[in-house]
Amino acid sequence: MDPLTLEAHLATVDENAEGITMAPLDLILTYPAAAAADGTNVILLSYDGIAKQSVISLVSATGSVPQSKGYSIGAGDAVEEPLINHFLKTGQQFPFQVGRIPGGLYYFNGFYNYTFSLVFTDLAQDDPNGVVQGQQDDGGFSAVLPISASLFAASTFNFGDNNIIPNATLSTSGITSSVDLPGNSLPELESNATVRIIRATINDKNVLVYGSNTKSKQIGLYFYDEASGEFLDSEYIGYSNPFEIASVIQTTEGDLAVSGTTYVAGRLPRFCLIKIPKSSLKGI
C-alpha cells in the first residue's frame, strides 16, 4: 500500500530477492487487506473508504484488474472505525483473508453488513452467494482453509476465546453463523490469536497443521488428521525470547518451515525463520 495515496501496488521480486519493483494497479484499489494466489492471478481483498465496501478483485501478473466486486460494510462511521484502526495499527488487528474454493466460489474473511464475516461470491452477482456471520467486530473466523466444496479446516475467535474446527461444514449459500459451530477450545492461546492453517503430508498421512501464538509467548503447532479431524500431536517453538507466527509451509523435502517475529531481550523485534525437520515429526 502506498502510504500517501493508500492505493494497492503490485510488487515484483527477483529470484535473489535483491531487485524489487512496484507499480500501481490498472484500477485504483485502496487499503489492501489480504491476497492469495489463484493460478497466474492474485485474489485481492481491499477496502473502498468512499463507497464503504469490502472489495474482492482478480489481479493479473501485469497489474490489470479483469474482475472486481464490492460489498457494503454498512452505513455510518461506527462500523468503519475498527477497520481503519486496523490499518493504522491503533486497534485490534483483524484476520482478513481471501481465497477460492478449488474450482468454485471465491471467498473473503472481512467486514460485510456491519459484521466481520466469511463471504462467498462468484464475483458476478450484486449480493453474496453466502455469508457466515461473526459477532459484529468481536467474533468470526480467525482462519479458513477449503478442503472440498463445503468442508473447511477453520478456527474462530469470539470475545477473546479461540476454537479450532478441523472439520467444519460450511454453507456457501444463505446466511449462517460461526457462533453455532462446535470446536475445540484452546485456552493456552492468546486472546483472539493469530492462526495459520496448511495441509501437509507427514509420515504418509494427510495432516492439517495449525500454527498460532500461545500465552507463554511461544509458537504452537497443532496437528490434526485431515480425514477424521482427530488431534494427533503438538509442537512448540521458542523458549527464552518471545516468538510470534507469521506463516508456515511444508518444504519440498517434507520439513516444516515457520516464519515469524522474535523479540531480543523481550523488546527488539527481529525476523525469524525456523525449520522443523521431518525426522522430528515421526511421532505424528
C-alpha atoms as a PDB file:
ATOM      1  CA  MET A   1       0.000   0.000   0.000  1.00  0.00           C
ATOM      2  CA  ASP A   2       1.300   3.420  -0.942  1.00  0.00           C
ATOM      3  CA  PRO A   3       1.417   5.337   2.367  1.00  0.00           C
ATOM      4  CA  LEU A   4       0.256   8.600   0.746  1.00  0.00           C
ATOM      5  CA  THR A   5      -2.381   7.517  -1.790  1.00  0.00           C
ATOM      6  CA  LEU A   6      -3.386   4.335   0.146  1.00  0.00           C
ATOM      7  CA  GLU A   7      -3.506   2.531  -3.223  1.00  0.00           C
ATOM      8  CA  ALA A   8      -2.595  -1.120  -3.739  1.00  0.00           C
ATOM      9  CA  HIS A   9       0.623  -1.719  -5.679  1.00  0.00           C
ATOM     10  CA  LEU A  10       1.930  -4.895  -7.294  1.00  0.00           C
ATOM     11  CA  ALA A  11       5.454  -5.766  -6.137  1.00  0.00           C
ATOM     12  CA  THR A  12       7.710  -7.926  -8.283  1.00  0.00           C
ATOM     13  CA  VAL A  13      10.762  -9.521  -6.651  1.00  0.00           C
ATOM     14  CA  ASP A  14      13.591 -11.266  -8.484  1.00  0.00           C
ATOM     15  CA  GLU A  15      14.654 -14.784  -7.526  1.00  0.00           C
ATOM     16  CA  ASN A  16      17.608 -13.476  -5.473  1.00  0.00           C
ATOM     17  CA  ALA A  17      15.326 -11.129  -3.519  1.00  0.00           C
ATOM     18  CA  GLU A  18      17.614  -8.251  -4.487  1.00  0.00           C
ATOM     19  CA  GLY A  19      15.624  -6.361  -7.107  1.00  0.00           C
ATOM     20  CA  ILE A  20      12.126  -5.160  -6.229  1.00  0.00           C
ATOM     21  CA  THR A  21       9.855  -3.130  -8.494  1.00  0.00           C
ATOM     22  CA  MET A  22       6.468  -1.719  -7.523  1.00  0.00           C
ATOM     23  CA  ALA A  23       3.720  -0.411  -9.775  1.00  0.00           C
ATOM     24  CA  PRO A  24       0.123   0.719  -9.168  1.00  0.00           C
ATOM     25  CA  LEU A  25      -2.687  -1.450 -10.499  1.00  0.00           C
ATOM     26  CA  ASP A  26      -4.711  -0.507 -13.576  1.00  0.00           C
ATOM     27  CA  LEU A  27      -7.719   0.018 -11.275  1.00  0.00           C
ATOM     28  CA  ILE A  28      -7.463   2.132  -8.128  1.00  0.00           C
ATOM     29  CA  LEU A  29      -7.929  -0.183  -5.132  1.00  0.00           C
ATOM     30  CA  THR A  30      -7.285   1.275  -1.689  1.00  0.00           C
ATOM     31  CA  TYR A  31      -6.445  -0.257   1.690  1.00  0.00           C
ATOM     32  CA  PRO A  32      -5.258  -3.716   0.522  1.00  0.00           C
ATOM     33  CA  ALA A  33      -6.010  -6.142   3.361  1.00  0.00           C
ATOM     34  CA  ALA A  34      -5.229  -9.680   2.112  1.00  0.00           C
ATOM     35  CA  ALA A  35      -4.063 -11.517  -1.010  1.00  0.00           C
ATOM     36  CA  ALA A  36      -3.829 -15.102  -2.277  1.00  0.00           C
ATOM     37  CA  ALA A  37      -2.646 -16.829  -5.434  1.00  0.00           C
ATOM     38  CA  ASP A  38      -5.181 -18.197  -7.916  1.00  0.00           C
ATOM     39  CA  GLY A  39      -3.292 -19.760 -10.804  1.00  0.00           C
ATOM     40  CA  THR A  40      -1.489 -16.905 -12.567  1.00  0.00           C
ATOM     41  CA  ASN A  41      -3.733 -14.308 -10.883  1.00  0.00           C
ATOM     42  CA  VAL A  42      -3.805 -12.810  -7.421  1.00  0.00           C
ATOM     43  CA  ILE A  43      -7.056 -12.543  -5.470  1.00  0.00           C
ATOM     44  CA  LEU A  44      -7.029  -9.262  -3.575  1.00  0.00           C
ATOM     45  CA  LEU A  45      -9.208  -8.056  -0.704  1.00  0.00           C
ATOM     46  CA  SER A  46      -9.267  -4.287  -0.274  1.00  0.00           C
ATOM     47  CA  TYR A  47     -11.433  -1.588   1.274  1.00  0.00           C
ATOM     48  CA  ASP A  48     -13.120   1.312  -0.519  1.00  0.00           C
ATOM     49  CA  GLY A  49     -13.468   4.109   2.041  1.00  0.00           C
ATOM     50  CA  ILE A  50     -15.623   6.234  -0.276  1.00  0.00           C
ATOM     51  CA  ALA A  51     -18.250   3.606  -1.069  1.00  0.00           C
ATOM     52  CA  LYS A  52     -17.692   1.882   2.304  1.00  0.00           C
ATOM     53  CA  GLN A  53     -17.290  -1.521   0.671  1.00  0.00           C
ATOM     54  CA  SER A  54     -15.133  -4.592   1.105  1.00  0.00           C
ATOM     55  CA  VAL A  55     -13.808  -5.215  -2.413  1.00  0.00           C
ATOM     56  CA  ILE A  56     -12.638  -8.556  -3.805  1.00  0.00           C
ATOM     57  CA  SER A  57     -10.701  -8.411  -7.087  1.00  0.00           C
ATOM     58  CA  LEU A  58      -8.738 -10.557  -9.507  1.00  0.00           C
ATOM     59  CA  VAL A  59      -5.341  -9.048 -10.355  1.00  0.00           C
ATOM     60  CA  SER A  60      -3.135 -10.333 -13.184  1.00  0.00           C
ATOM     61  CA  ALA A  61       0.657 -10.583 -13.033  1.00  0.00           C
ATOM     62  CA  THR A  62       0.838  -7.411 -15.130  1.00  0.00           C
ATOM     63  CA  GLY A  63      -1.327  -5.403 -12.722  1.00  0.00           C
ATOM     64  CA  SER A  64      -4.577  -5.411 -14.693  1.00  0.00           C
ATOM     65  CA  VAL A  65      -7.841  -5.995 -12.807  1.00  0.00           C
ATOM     66  CA  PRO A  66     -10.229  -8.039 -15.009  1.00  0.00           C
ATOM     67  CA  GLN A  67     -12.845  -8.554 -12.261  1.00  0.00           C
ATOM     68  CA  SER A  68     -13.783  -6.655  -9.118  1.00  0.00           C
ATOM     69  CA  LYS A  69     -16.864  -6.628  -6.881  1.00  0.00           C
ATOM     70  CA  GLY A  70     -17.645  -4.600  -3.770  1.00  0.00           C
ATOM     71  CA  TYR A  71     -19.944  -5.417  -0.853  1.00  0.00           C
ATOM     72  CA  SER A  72     -21.202  -2.876   1.681  1.00  0.00           C
ATOM     73  CA  ILE A  73     -19.846  -2.961   5.221  1.00  0.00           C
ATOM     74  CA  GLY A  74     -22.856  -0.926   6.364  1.00  0.00           C
ATOM     75  CA  ALA A  75     -23.604   2.762   6.771  1.00  0.00           C
ATOM     76  CA  GLY A  76     -22.153   5.050   9.442  1.00  0.00           C
ATOM     77  CA  ASP A  77     -18.754   5.819  10.910  1.00  0.00           C
ATOM     78  CA  ALA A  78     -19.037   3.331  13.783  1.00  0.00           C
ATOM     79  CA  VAL A  79     -18.746   0.270  11.528  1.00  0.00           C
ATOM     80  CA  GLU A  80     -15.759   1.755   9.696  1.00  0.00           C
ATOM     81  CA  GLU A  81     -13.836   2.761  12.826  1.00  0.00           C
ATOM     82  CA  PRO A  82     -12.413  -0.674  13.793  1.00  0.00           C
ATOM     83  CA  LEU A  83     -11.438  -1.282  10.159  1.00  0.00           C
ATOM     84  CA  ILE A  84      -9.498   1.983   9.871  1.00  0.00           C
ATOM     85  CA  ASN A  85      -7.897   1.368  13.274  1.00  0.00           C
ATOM     86  CA  HIS A  86      -6.647  -1.948  11.903  1.00  0.00           C
ATOM     87  CA  PHE A  87      -4.768  -0.196   9.090  1.00  0.00           C
ATOM     88  CA  LEU A  88      -3.454   2.491  11.443  1.00  0.00           C
ATOM     89  CA  LYS A  89      -2.396  -0.283  13.876  1.00  0.00           C
ATOM     90  CA  THR A  90      -4.098   1.594  16.697  1.00  0.00           C
ATOM     91  CA  GLY A  91      -6.724  -1.083  17.335  1.00  0.00           C
ATOM     92  CA  GLN A  92      -7.459  -4.783  17.026  1.00  0.00           C
ATOM     93  CA  GLN A  93      -5.702  -6.496  14.112  1.00  0.00           C
ATOM     94  CA  PHE A  94      -8.318  -8.458  12.169  1.00  0.00           C
ATOM     95  CA  PRO A  95      -7.588 -11.769  10.390  1.00  0.00           C
ATOM     96  CA  PHE A  96      -8.500 -10.609   6.886  1.00  0.00           C
ATOM     97  CA  GLN A  97      -8.249 -13.432   4.371  1.00  0.00           C
ATOM     98  CA  VAL A  98      -9.196 -14.100   0.770  1.00  0.00           C
ATOM     99  CA  GLY A  99      -9.156 -17.189  -1.437  1.00  0.00           C
ATOM    100  CA  ARG A 100     -11.084 -19.569  -3.611  1.00  0.00           C
ATOM    101  CA  ILE A 101     -12.685 -22.964  -3.153  1.00  0.00           C
ATOM    102  CA  PRO A 102     -10.830 -25.135  -5.732  1.00  0.00           C
ATOM    103  CA  GLY A 103     -12.757 -24.679  -8.985  1.00  0.00           C
ATOM    104  CA  GLY A 104     -15.602 -22.959  -7.148  1.00  0.00           C
ATOM    105  CA  LEU A 105     -16.641 -19.761  -5.391  1.00  0.00           C
ATOM    106  CA  TYR A 106     -14.333 -17.030  -4.189  1.00  0.00           C
ATOM    107  CA  TYR A 107     -14.428 -16.020  -0.544  1.00  0.00           C
ATOM    108  CA  PHE A 108     -13.185 -13.292   1.752  1.00  0.00           C
ATOM    109  CA  ASN A 109     -12.977 -13.001   5.512  1.00  0.00           C
ATOM    110  CA  GLY A 110     -13.760  -9.379   6.258  1.00  0.00           C
ATOM    111  CA  PHE A 111     -16.440  -6.827   7.028  1.00  0.00           C
ATOM    112  CA  TYR A 112     -19.866  -7.148   5.431  1.00  0.00           C
ATOM    113  CA  ASN A 113     -23.209  -5.742   6.590  1.00  0.00           C
ATOM    114  CA  TYR A 114     -21.906  -4.458   9.959  1.00  0.00           C
ATOM    115  CA  THR A 115     -20.247  -7.755  10.867  1.00  0.00           C
ATOM    116  CA  PHE A 116     -16.873  -9.463  10.448  1.00  0.00           C
ATOM    117  CA  SER A 117     -17.998 -12.361   8.248  1.00  0.00           C
ATOM    118  CA  LEU A 118     -16.894 -15.076   5.839  1.00  0.00           C
ATOM    119  CA  VAL A 119     -18.433 -14.130   2.486  1.00  0.00           C
ATOM    120  CA  PHE A 120     -18.758 -16.385  -0.586  1.00  0.00           C
ATOM    121  CA  THR A 121     -19.172 -14.867  -4.060  1.00  0.00           C
ATOM    122  CA  ASP A 122     -18.927 -15.706  -7.745  1.00  0.00           C
ATOM    123  CA  LEU A 123     -17.842 -12.088  -8.459  1.00  0.00           C
ATOM    124  CA  ALA A 124     -20.880 -11.687 -10.732  1.00  0.00           C
ATOM    125  CA  GLN A 125     -23.908 -11.086  -8.516  1.00  0.00           C
ATOM    126  CA  ASP A 126     -24.522  -7.888  -6.585  1.00  0.00           C
ATOM    127  CA  ASP A 127     -25.348  -9.902  -3.455  1.00  0.00           C
ATOM    128  CA  PRO A 128     -23.065 -12.574  -1.968  1.00  0.00           C
ATOM    129  CA  ASN A 129     -23.841 -16.229  -2.657  1.00  0.00           C
ATOM    130  CA  GLY A 130     -23.483 -16.988   1.038  1.00  0.00           C
ATOM    131  CA  VAL A 131     -22.442 -15.414   4.336  1.00  0.00           C
ATOM    132  CA  VAL A 132     -21.248 -16.979   7.593  1.00  0.00           C
ATOM    133  CA  GLN A 133     -21.681 -14.143  10.065  1.00  0.00           C
ATOM    134  CA  GLY A 134     -19.450 -13.445  13.035  1.00  0.00           C
ATOM    135  CA  GLN A 135     -20.238 -11.372  16.124  1.00  0.00           C
ATOM    136  CA  GLN A 136     -20.001  -7.762  14.852  1.00  0.00           C
ATOM    137  CA  ASP A 137     -16.262  -6.996  15.311  1.00  0.00           C
ATOM    138  CA  ASP A 138     -15.907  -9.240  18.390  1.00  0.00           C
ATOM    139  CA  GLY A 139     -16.037 -12.655  16.722  1.00  0.00           C
ATOM    140  CA  GLY A 140     -15.682 -14.570  13.477  1.00  0.00           C
ATOM    141  CA  PHE A 141     -13.173 -16.760  11.681  1.00  0.00           C
ATOM    142  CA  SER A 142      -9.501 -16.335  12.502  1.00  0.00           C
ATOM    143  CA  ALA A 143      -8.529 -18.659   9.611  1.00  0.00           C
ATOM    144  CA  VAL A 144     -10.188 -20.855   6.965  1.00  0.00           C
ATOM    145  CA  LEU A 145      -8.804 -23.411   4.523  1.00  0.00           C
ATOM    146  CA  PRO A 146     -11.081 -25.154   1.987  1.00  0.00           C
ATOM    147  CA  ILE A 147     -10.751 -28.939   1.826  1.00  0.00           C
ATOM    148  CA  SER A 148     -13.654 -29.575  -0.577  1.00  0.00           C
ATOM    149  CA  ALA A 149     -16.747 -27.733  -1.817  1.00  0.00           C
ATOM    150  CA  SER A 150     -18.299 -27.370   1.647  1.00  0.00           C
ATOM    151  CA  LEU A 151     -15.695 -28.847   4.032  1.00  0.00           C
ATOM    152  CA  PHE A 152     -13.182 -26.485   5.628  1.00  0.00           C
ATOM    153  CA  ALA A 153     -10.444 -26.523   8.209  1.00  0.00           C
ATOM    154  CA  ALA A 154     -11.160 -23.449  10.312  1.00  0.00           C
ATOM    155  CA  SER A 155     -10.643 -21.608  13.544  1.00  0.00           C
ATOM    156  CA  THR A 156     -12.816 -18.986  15.211  1.00  0.00           C
ATOM    157  CA  PHE A 157     -12.464 -16.220  17.777  1.00  0.00           C
ATOM    158  CA  ASN A 158     -15.255 -14.895  19.978  1.00  0.00           C
ATOM    159  CA  PHE A 159     -14.687 -12.190  22.612  1.00  0.00           C
ATOM    160  CA  GLY A 160     -11.083 -13.350  23.058  1.00  0.00           C
ATOM    161  CA  ASP A 161     -11.731 -17.108  23.095  1.00  0.00           C
ATOM    162  CA  ASN A 162     -10.300 -19.368  20.376  1.00  0.00           C
ATOM    163  CA  ASN A 163     -11.704 -22.541  18.842  1.00  0.00           C
ATOM    164  CA  ILE A 164     -10.123 -24.947  16.359  1.00  0.00           C
ATOM    165  CA  ILE A 165     -12.508 -26.734  13.974  1.00  0.00           C
ATOM    166  CA  PRO A 166     -10.562 -29.233  11.803  1.00  0.00           C
ATOM    167  CA  ASN A 167     -13.763 -30.490  10.102  1.00  0.00           C
ATOM    168  CA  ALA A 168     -16.156 -27.573   9.566  1.00  0.00           C
ATOM    169  CA  THR A 169     -19.049 -28.000   7.156  1.00  0.00           C
ATOM    170  CA  LEU A 170     -19.980 -24.516   5.976  1.00  0.00           C
ATOM    171  CA  SER A 171     -22.901 -23.489   3.832  1.00  0.00           C
ATOM    172  CA  THR A 172     -21.772 -21.411   0.855  1.00  0.00           C
ATOM    173  CA  SER A 173     -25.334 -20.180   0.291  1.00  0.00           C
ATOM    174  CA  GLY A 174     -27.735 -18.298   2.533  1.00  0.00           C
ATOM    175  CA  ILE A 175     -26.850 -16.764   5.896  1.00  0.00           C
ATOM    176  CA  THR A 176     -25.444 -18.801   8.813  1.00  0.00           C
ATOM    177  CA  SER A 177     -23.379 -18.016  11.906  1.00  0.00           C
ATOM    178  CA  SER A 178     -19.889 -19.028  13.018  1.00  0.00           C
ATOM    179  CA  VAL A 179     -21.027 -18.831  16.656  1.00  0.00           C
ATOM    180  CA  ASP A 180     -23.077 -22.016  16.150  1.00  0.00           C
ATOM    181  CA  LEU A 181     -20.094 -24.107  15.027  1.00  0.00           C
ATOM    182  CA  PRO A 182     -18.757 -26.690  17.500  1.00  0.00           C
ATOM    183  CA  GLY A 183     -14.997 -26.537  18.075  1.00  0.00           C
ATOM    184  CA  ASN A 184     -12.061 -27.461  20.256  1.00  0.00           C
ATOM    185  CA  SER A 185     -11.298 -24.661  22.710  1.00  0.00           C
ATOM    186  CA  LEU A 186      -7.597 -23.924  23.290  1.00  0.00           C
ATOM    187  CA  PRO A 187      -7.253 -21.782  26.449  1.00  0.00           C
ATOM    188  CA  GLU A 188      -3.453 -21.753  26.052  1.00  0.00           C
ATOM    189  CA  LEU A 189      -3.685 -19.458  23.008  1.00  0.00           C
ATOM    190  CA  GLU A 190      -3.500 -15.687  23.464  1.00  0.00           C
ATOM    191  CA  SER A 191      -6.708 -13.659  23.178  1.00  0.00           C
ATOM    192  CA  ASN A 192      -8.069 -13.513  19.605  1.00  0.00           C
ATOM    193  CA  ALA A 193      -4.964 -15.382  18.470  1.00  0.00           C
ATOM    194  CA  THR A 194      -3.411 -15.227  15.021  1.00  0.00           C
ATOM    195  CA  VAL A 195      -3.911 -18.620  13.326  1.00  0.00           C
ATOM    196  CA  ARG A 196      -2.376 -20.151  10.195  1.00  0.00           C
ATOM    197  CA  ILE A 197      -3.564 -23.444   8.643  1.00  0.00           C
ATOM    198  CA  ILE A 198      -1.901 -25.598   5.980  1.00  0.00           C
ATOM    199  CA  ARG A 199      -2.413 -29.066   4.534  1.00  0.00           C
ATOM    200  CA  ALA A 200       0.665 -31.286   4.791  1.00  0.00           C
ATOM    201  CA  THR A 201       1.732 -34.881   4.271  1.00  0.00           C
ATOM    202  CA  ILE A 202       3.580 -36.293   7.280  1.00  0.00           C
ATOM    203  CA  ASN A 203       4.533 -39.967   7.535  1.00  0.00           C
ATOM    204  CA  ASP A 204       2.299 -40.699   4.509  1.00  0.00           C
ATOM    205  CA  LYS A 205      -0.693 -39.216   6.342  1.00  0.00           C
ATOM    206  CA  ASN A 206      -2.708 -36.190   5.205  1.00  0.00           C
ATOM    207  CA  VAL A 207      -2.470 -33.761   8.091  1.00  0.00           C
ATOM    208  CA  LEU A 208      -3.795 -30.303   8.961  1.00  0.00           C
ATOM    209  CA  VAL A 209      -1.190 -28.124  10.642  1.00  0.00           C
ATOM    210  CA  TYR A 210      -2.443 -25.232  12.758  1.00  0.00           C
ATOM    211  CA  GLY A 211       0.065 -22.588  13.859  1.00  0.00           C
ATOM    212  CA  SER A 212      -0.682 -19.947  16.485  1.00  0.00           C
ATOM    213  CA  ASN A 213       0.671 -17.891  19.401  1.00  0.00           C
ATOM    214  CA  THR A 214       0.431 -19.062  22.983  1.00  0.00           C
ATOM    215  CA  LYS A 215       0.056 -17.059  26.198  1.00  0.00           C
ATOM    216  CA  SER A 216       3.564 -18.209  27.151  1.00  0.00           C
ATOM    217  CA  LYS A 217       4.906 -16.339  24.070  1.00  0.00           C
ATOM    218  CA  GLN A 218       5.706 -19.476  22.087  1.00  0.00           C
ATOM    219  CA  ILE A 219       4.572 -20.554  18.633  1.00  0.00           C
ATOM    220  CA  GLY A 220       2.336 -23.593  18.952  1.00  0.00           C
ATOM    221  CA  LEU A 221       1.889 -26.099  16.113  1.00  0.00           C
ATOM    222  CA  TYR A 222      -1.113 -28.419  16.364  1.00  0.00           C
ATOM    223  CA  PHE A 223      -1.555 -31.457  14.104  1.00  0.00           C
ATOM    224  CA  TYR A 224      -4.907 -32.989  13.128  1.00  0.00           C
ATOM    225  CA  ASP A 225      -5.858 -35.894  10.887  1.00  0.00           C
ATOM    226  CA  GLU A 226      -7.391 -34.325   7.779  1.00  0.00           C
ATOM    227  CA  ALA A 227      -9.931 -37.115   7.219  1.00  0.00           C
ATOM    228  CA  SER A 228     -11.243 -37.570  10.759  1.00  0.00           C
ATOM    229  CA  GLY A 229     -10.309 -34.310  12.494  1.00  0.00           C
ATOM    230  CA  GLU A 230      -8.592 -36.324  15.246  1.00  0.00           C
ATOM    231  CA  PHE A 231      -5.917 -34.478  17.232  1.00  0.00           C
ATOM    232  CA  LEU A 232      -2.507 -36.077  16.640  1.00  0.00           C
ATOM    233  CA  ASP A 233       0.228 -34.077  18.350  1.00  0.00           C
ATOM    234  CA  SER A 234       1.606 -30.623  19.149  1.00  0.00           C
ATOM    235  CA  GLU A 235       4.978 -28.905  18.893  1.00  0.00           C
ATOM    236  CA  TYR A 236       6.196 -25.658  20.479  1.00  0.00           C
ATOM    237  CA  ILE A 237       8.784 -23.179  19.233  1.00  0.00           C
ATOM    238  CA  GLY A 238      10.638 -20.716  21.468  1.00  0.00           C
ATOM    239  CA  TYR A 239      11.957 -20.781  24.990  1.00  0.00           C
ATOM    240  CA  SER A 240      13.926 -17.681  26.119  1.00  0.00           C
ATOM    241  CA  ASN A 241      12.663 -14.890  23.825  1.00  0.00           C
ATOM    242  CA  PRO A 242       9.029 -14.264  22.797  1.00  0.00           C
ATOM    243  CA  PHE A 243       8.002 -15.642  19.384  1.00  0.00           C
ATOM    244  CA  GLU A 244       5.041 -14.754  17.136  1.00  0.00           C
ATOM    245  CA  ILE A 245       3.987 -16.638  13.997  1.00  0.00           C
ATOM    246  CA  ALA A 246       3.717 -15.079  10.540  1.00  0.00           C
ATOM    247  CA  SER A 247       3.436 -18.118   8.260  1.00  0.00           C
ATOM    248  CA  VAL A 248       4.110 -21.842   7.975  1.00  0.00           C
ATOM    249  CA  ILE A 249       4.787 -24.045   4.935  1.00  0.00           C
ATOM    250  CA  GLN A 250       5.877 -27.590   4.167  1.00  0.00           C
ATOM    251  CA  THR A 251       9.048 -27.694   2.095  1.00  0.00           C
ATOM    252  CA  THR A 252       9.607 -29.947  -0.894  1.00  0.00           C
ATOM    253  CA  GLU A 253      11.792 -32.140   1.359  1.00  0.00           C
ATOM    254  CA  GLY A 254       8.906 -32.656   3.785  1.00  0.00           C
ATOM    255  CA  ASP A 255      10.208 -30.393   6.562  1.00  0.00           C
ATOM    256  CA  LEU A 256       8.121 -27.609   8.115  1.00  0.00           C
ATOM    257  CA  ALA A 257       9.321 -24.021   7.883  1.00  0.00           C
ATOM    258  CA  VAL A 258       7.886 -21.370  10.204  1.00  0.00           C
ATOM    259  CA  SER A 259       8.475 -17.653   9.772  1.00  0.00           C
ATOM    260  CA  GLY A 260       7.680 -15.023  12.349  1.00  0.00           C
ATOM    261  CA  THR A 261       8.979 -12.414  14.746  1.00  0.00           C
ATOM    262  CA  THR A 262      11.108 -12.876  17.833  1.00  0.00           C
ATOM    263  CA  TYR A 263      11.905 -10.189  20.392  1.00  0.00           C
ATOM    264  CA  VAL A 264      15.535  -9.999  21.501  1.00  0.00           C
ATOM    265  CA  ALA A 265      15.723  -9.143  25.208  1.00  0.00           C
ATOM    266  CA  GLY A 266      11.926  -9.181  25.079  1.00  0.00           C
ATOM    267  CA  ARG A 267      11.672  -5.858  23.230  1.00  0.00           C
ATOM    268  CA  LEU A 268      13.736  -5.698  19.998  1.00  0.00           C
ATOM    269  CA  PRO A 269      11.748  -7.247  17.102  1.00  0.00           C
ATOM    270  CA  ARG A 270      13.654  -9.411  14.630  1.00  0.00           C
ATOM    271  CA  PHE A 271      12.515 -11.633  11.771  1.00  0.00           C
ATOM    272  CA  CYS A 272      12.963 -15.354  12.401  1.00  0.00           C
ATOM    273  CA  LEU A 273      12.828 -18.500  10.281  1.00  0.00           C
ATOM    274  CA  ILE A 274      12.707 -21.906  11.967  1.00  0.00           C
ATOM    275  CA  LYS A 275      12.905 -25.264  10.193  1.00  0.00           C
ATOM    276  CA  ILE A 276      11.446 -28.371  11.820  1.00  0.00           C
ATOM    277  CA  PRO A 277      12.965 -31.442  10.126  1.00  0.00           C
ATOM    278  CA  LYS A 278      10.599 -34.220   9.130  1.00  0.00           C
ATOM    279  CA  SER A 279      12.674 -36.629  11.207  1.00  0.00           C
ATOM    280  CA  SER A 280      11.423 -34.916  14.368  1.00  0.00           C
ATOM    281  CA  LEU A 281       7.801 -35.394  13.272  1.00  0.00           C
ATOM    282  CA  LYS A 282       7.907 -39.201  13.235  1.00  0.00           C
ATOM    283  CA  GLY A 283       5.663 -39.415  16.294  1.00  0.00           C
ATOM    284  CA  ILE A 284       2.726 -37.883  14.452  1.00  0.00           C
END
